[in-house]
Each structure stands twice: as structure tokens, then as C-alpha cells.
């Protein structure tokens, strides 16, 4: 049984939207796009600020690292793999979370597709990914205020060797359709710009190398480690 559940709507103005992350998702890596594209990004952000209703939710469960590749959360075993499992060393509890840019974002992209404005669709996709990640950051801020324990970075199915199919087991630890997010038969989330995962909690947990430093996907557009 979950010890605590927090569900929050996240004001768009609270989101820390990193423009460089948007540009990177557009394929610019560390470069800056031409002025017309930067202006399009700003226009889209203004439009989405009036439309999007970002949300986040987390539940706290007791758990532990079982071995070098498995963790147990709320009596459910997850095969997170040998890259992620050590990152949860000394965790006593886990926050199982989901965040989403919301259905309104999906509706915005649908309208762009109807206009066959594929450049804008491409840019909106990049922006949506950054919005979803910014929602995770806001949920972590709320977690820090509510739970007086140190925490790890967030880790999600589909990354660093954690099979995306374990998304189904993760959703067993969340309420039905959390924040309006549904899971498809292929374990993808709808709305599309949604993130789920696990954060380790404990007095002695450490933030170990993260992101590109531990990921083996050398073809990822976000990769910064040569």
C-alpha cells in the first residue's frame, strides 16, 4: 500500500523550459538555430502556455534493491538492469511518478497536422518533450518539500536497459489513468508527452552519474559523452 500520494497541477509558468534543450531536440546539438526558427519556438511556447494543463503525480512505497539488476517496489519486482540498479543503493523508499504535458498538447499538435504544417509539427514535438521533462523537475521539487529524505535522480522504463514493457507493472502502483495518462498495449503512454518512472529515497542515497554518462545509446540526439 502506498504511504503517500500527491497529485498536482503544474502551472505552465512554473516550468523551467530550457531553450537549448528544445534546439538540441530539433537536431542543433550545442548550436543555435536561425532567428526565424527561434521566433517560431517562442510563439509556440506562448500558445502552449495558454493551452497546456501539465500535471504530475507520485506515490511513495517501501522498497529495496534486490540484487545487481533488480529492485522491489511495493512488493513488485522490476528488472531495471545493471546500469540503473546500483543507482538505487541504500534506497529505503521509492516515489513512483507520472507527469504529462496533457491532452491539450496533443490537441495542439493534431491541429498542426491537419494544416499539414510539418515543420511546426516537428518543432512542437521537440517542445513537448522538454515540457514533459520540465514537469518531472517540478514534481521532484514538490517531492523535496513533502519528503524529508535524500533522493536519487529519476529513472524510467525504456532507458539504460530497463525494458519499456515493465511500464505495465509500474502502472499497477499508480491510480487508474493517473493524470489522465493511459497505457497502450505496447506500453506507450497517451498523451504522448508523458513521463513515468521511479525515484529512490533514503537518508544515505547518492546521486550517481546520470543521463549520457551511463547511457549506452550512442545514436541519441542528446548524447554529450564522446
Protein backbone atom coordinates (compact mmCIF):
# COMPACT_ATOMS: atom_id res chain seq x y z
CA UNK A 1 0.00 0.00 0.00
CA UNK A 2 1.26 3.48 -0.86
CA UNK A 3 2.23 5.58 2.15
CA UNK A 4 1.59 8.91 0.46
CA UNK A 5 0.08 10.18 -2.78
CA UNK A 6 0.46 13.67 -4.19
CA UNK A 7 -1.38 14.80 -7.33
CA UNK A 8 -0.72 18.30 -8.54
CA UNK A 9 -1.49 20.54 -11.46
CA UNK A 10 1.62 22.37 -12.56
CA UNK A 11 1.23 25.98 -13.71
CA UNK A 12 2.92 26.36 -17.08
CA UNK A 13 4.70 29.45 -15.79
CA UNK A 14 6.42 27.27 -13.15
CA UNK A 15 8.08 25.11 -15.78
CA UNK A 16 11.76 25.76 -16.40
CA UNK A 17 11.82 25.48 -20.20
CA UNK A 18 15.40 25.18 -21.42
CA UNK A 19 15.54 26.62 -24.93
CA UNK A 20 18.83 24.88 -25.66
CA UNK A 21 17.19 21.54 -24.87
CA UNK A 22 14.49 22.36 -27.41
CA UNK A 23 17.11 23.25 -30.02
CA UNK A 24 19.01 20.06 -29.23
CA UNK A 25 15.83 18.03 -29.75
CA UNK A 26 15.49 19.79 -33.11
CA UNK A 27 18.92 18.49 -34.08
CA UNK A 28 21.08 21.54 -33.34
CA UNK A 29 23.11 19.91 -30.55
CA UNK A 30 25.02 22.82 -28.97
CA UNK A 31 24.28 25.26 -31.79
CA UNK A 32 21.52 27.86 -32.01
CA UNK A 33 19.00 27.77 -34.90
CA UNK A 34 18.31 30.64 -37.26
CA UNK A 35 16.32 33.57 -35.89
CA UNK A 36 13.11 32.60 -37.69
CA UNK A 37 13.10 29.19 -36.00
CA UNK A 38 13.86 30.69 -32.61
CA UNK A 39 10.94 33.06 -33.09
CA UNK A 40 8.69 30.13 -34.03
CA UNK A 41 9.72 28.34 -30.83
CA UNK A 42 8.81 31.39 -28.73
CA UNK A 43 5.46 31.76 -30.50
CA UNK A 44 4.63 28.11 -29.88
CA UNK A 45 5.60 28.37 -26.22
CA UNK A 46 3.29 31.36 -25.84
CA UNK A 47 0.44 29.45 -27.48
CA UNK A 48 1.05 26.32 -25.41
CA UNK A 49 1.24 28.37 -22.21
CA UNK A 50 -2.40 29.29 -22.77
CA UNK A 51 -3.45 25.75 -23.67
CA UNK A 52 -1.45 23.17 -21.73
CA UNK A 53 -2.54 21.85 -18.35
CA UNK A 54 0.55 19.99 -17.12
CA UNK A 55 0.07 17.55 -14.26
CA UNK A 56 2.14 15.32 -12.05
CA UNK A 57 1.52 12.58 -9.50
CA UNK A 58 3.66 10.42 -7.28
CA UNK A 59 3.09 7.65 -4.76
CA UNK A 60 5.55 6.59 -2.08
CA UNK A 61 6.24 2.89 -1.48
CA UNK A 62 8.65 0.91 0.64
CA UNK A 63 11.22 -0.93 -1.45
CA UNK A 64 14.77 -2.12 -1.82
CA UNK A 65 17.49 -3.16 -4.22
CA UNK A 66 17.21 -6.95 -4.54
CA UNK A 67 20.39 -7.66 -6.50
CA UNK A 68 22.64 -6.13 -9.15
CA UNK A 69 19.80 -5.90 -11.68
CA UNK A 70 16.53 -5.88 -9.73
CA UNK A 71 14.62 -3.65 -7.35
CA UNK A 72 11.41 -4.30 -5.44
CA UNK A 73 8.86 -1.51 -5.06
CA UNK A 74 5.55 -2.03 -3.31
CA UNK A 75 6.13 -5.81 -3.44
CA UNK A 76 6.51 -5.71 -7.23
CA UNK A 77 9.85 -6.75 -8.71
CA UNK A 78 11.40 -4.72 -11.52
CA UNK A 79 14.30 -5.81 -13.69
CA UNK A 80 15.87 -2.40 -14.08
CA UNK A 81 19.22 -3.75 -15.22
CA UNK A 82 22.79 -3.46 -14.04
CA UNK A 83 23.14 0.19 -15.04
CA UNK A 84 20.19 1.52 -13.04
CA UNK A 85 20.01 -0.84 -10.03
CA UNK A 86 23.23 0.45 -8.39
CA UNK A 87 21.85 3.99 -8.60
CA UNK A 88 19.24 2.96 -6.02
CA UNK A 89 21.77 1.68 -3.47
CA UNK A 90 20.64 2.39 0.11
CA UNK A 91 17.15 3.50 -1.01
CA UNK A 92 14.53 2.70 1.64
CA UNK A 93 11.50 4.02 -0.22
CA UNK A 94 10.60 4.83 -3.81
CA UNK A 95 8.50 7.53 -5.39
CA UNK A 96 6.62 6.12 -8.39
CA UNK A 97 5.63 9.05 -10.58
CA UNK A 98 3.94 10.12 -13.77
CA UNK A 99 3.90 13.55 -15.40
CA UNK A 100 2.27 14.79 -18.59
CA UNK A 101 2.08 17.84 -20.82
CA UNK A 102 -1.60 16.92 -21.10
CA UNK A 103 -4.22 16.16 -23.70
CA UNK A 104 -4.33 19.82 -24.67
CA UNK A 105 -0.82 19.50 -26.07
CA UNK A 106 -1.89 16.51 -28.18
CA UNK A 107 -4.81 18.56 -29.49
CA UNK A 108 -2.45 21.38 -30.44
CA UNK A 109 -0.23 19.03 -32.45
CA UNK A 110 -3.28 17.43 -34.07
CA UNK A 111 -4.34 20.84 -35.39
CA UNK A 112 -0.87 21.43 -36.82
CA UNK A 113 -1.01 18.07 -38.58
CA UNK A 114 -4.43 18.91 -40.01
CA UNK A 115 -2.86 22.02 -41.54
CA UNK A 116 -0.04 19.83 -42.92
CA UNK A 117 2.43 22.19 -41.28
CA UNK A 118 5.08 19.54 -40.75
CA UNK A 119 7.84 21.98 -39.80
CA UNK A 120 5.69 23.22 -36.93
CA UNK A 121 4.77 19.63 -36.02
CA UNK A 122 8.46 18.78 -35.80
CA UNK A 123 9.18 21.79 -33.62
CA UNK A 124 6.16 21.17 -31.41
CA UNK A 125 7.34 17.61 -30.84
CA UNK A 126 10.69 18.91 -29.58
CA UNK A 127 8.98 21.45 -27.34
CA UNK A 128 6.61 18.81 -25.95
CA UNK A 129 9.49 16.57 -24.93
CA UNK A 130 11.10 19.41 -22.99
CA UNK A 131 7.78 20.33 -21.36
CA UNK A 132 7.34 16.73 -20.18
CA UNK A 133 10.83 16.65 -18.67
CA UNK A 134 10.29 20.05 -17.04
CA UNK A 135 7.19 18.57 -15.39
CA UNK A 136 9.38 15.87 -13.84
CA UNK A 137 11.63 18.58 -12.40
CA UNK A 138 8.62 20.29 -10.82
CA UNK A 139 7.36 17.03 -9.32
CA UNK A 140 10.80 16.47 -7.78
CA UNK A 141 10.65 19.96 -6.24
CA UNK A 142 7.33 19.08 -4.63
CA UNK A 143 8.71 15.74 -3.51
CA UNK A 144 11.61 17.50 -1.79
CA UNK A 145 9.18 19.68 0.16
CA UNK A 146 6.98 16.76 1.23
CA UNK A 147 9.53 14.03 1.97
CA UNK A 148 12.47 14.81 4.31
CA UNK A 149 14.80 12.29 2.66
CA UNK A 150 17.57 12.46 0.11
CA UNK A 151 16.60 11.30 -3.36
CA UNK A 152 18.16 9.83 -6.48
CA UNK A 153 17.67 11.04 -10.00
CA UNK A 154 14.50 9.76 -11.73
CA UNK A 155 14.77 6.61 -13.86
CA UNK A 156 12.21 5.41 -16.40
CA UNK A 157 11.35 2.20 -18.27
CA UNK A 158 12.76 2.30 -21.77
CA UNK A 159 16.10 3.81 -20.79
CA UNK A 160 19.52 2.38 -19.91
CA UNK A 161 18.46 -1.25 -20.27
CA UNK A 162 15.16 -1.05 -18.37
CA UNK A 163 12.63 -2.74 -20.67
CA UNK A 164 9.77 -0.44 -21.62
CA UNK A 165 7.33 -3.35 -21.17
CA UNK A 166 7.80 -3.00 -17.41
CA UNK A 167 5.77 0.17 -17.74
CA UNK A 168 2.72 -2.06 -17.23
CA UNK A 169 3.95 -3.21 -13.82
CA UNK A 170 4.84 0.35 -12.89
CA UNK A 171 1.30 1.50 -13.65
CA UNK A 172 -0.01 -1.12 -11.20
CA UNK A 173 1.46 1.09 -8.49
CA UNK A 174 -0.42 4.16 -9.73
CA UNK A 175 -4.13 5.01 -9.74
CA UNK A 176 -6.11 4.17 -12.87
CA UNK A 177 -5.25 6.57 -15.70
CA UNK A 178 -3.05 8.78 -13.48
CA UNK A 179 -3.23 12.44 -14.54
CA UNK A 180 -5.32 11.25 -17.49
CA UNK A 181 -2.42 9.13 -18.79
CA UNK A 182 -3.31 5.80 -20.37
CA UNK A 183 -1.03 2.93 -21.26
CA UNK A 184 -1.35 1.26 -24.67
CA UNK A 185 -0.94 -2.47 -25.29
CA UNK A 186 2.61 -1.73 -26.46
CA UNK A 187 3.31 0.07 -23.15
CA UNK A 188 3.45 3.55 -24.64
CA UNK A 189 1.75 6.41 -22.85
CA UNK A 190 -1.06 8.66 -24.06
CA UNK A 191 -0.92 11.68 -24.06
CA UNK A 192 2.32 11.18 -25.92
CA UNK A 193 4.35 13.73 -23.97
CA UNK A 194 4.20 11.92 -20.66
CA UNK A 195 6.93 10.54 -18.41
CA UNK A 196 6.77 7.83 -15.77
CA UNK A 197 9.45 6.40 -13.55
CA UNK A 198 10.90 5.80 -10.13
CA UNK A 199 12.94 7.91 -7.71
CA UNK A 200 14.85 6.31 -4.84
CA UNK A 201 14.54 7.83 -1.35
CA UNK A 202 16.68 7.36 1.73
CA UNK A 203 18.93 9.04 4.28
CA UNK A 204 22.05 7.71 2.57
CA UNK A 205 21.21 7.58 -1.15
CA UNK A 206 23.58 9.29 -3.55
CA UNK A 207 23.14 10.95 -6.92
CA UNK A 208 25.40 8.83 -9.08
CA UNK A 209 26.43 9.50 -12.71
CA UNK A 210 23.31 10.17 -14.76
CA UNK A 211 21.99 10.70 -18.26
CA UNK A 212 24.54 10.43 -21.05
CA UNK A 213 27.22 9.33 -18.58
CA UNK A 214 25.52 5.95 -18.04
CA UNK A 215 23.52 5.51 -21.25
CA UNK A 216 24.84 3.18 -23.96
CA UNK A 217 22.72 4.64 -26.78
CA UNK A 218 25.42 6.33 -28.86
CA UNK A 219 22.90 7.45 -31.52
CA UNK A 220 20.74 9.53 -29.18
CA UNK A 221 20.44 13.19 -30.23
CA UNK A 222 21.02 14.27 -26.61
CA UNK A 223 24.28 12.40 -26.21
CA UNK A 224 27.07 14.59 -24.79
CA UNK A 225 29.70 11.98 -23.92
CA UNK A 226 32.03 11.01 -26.75
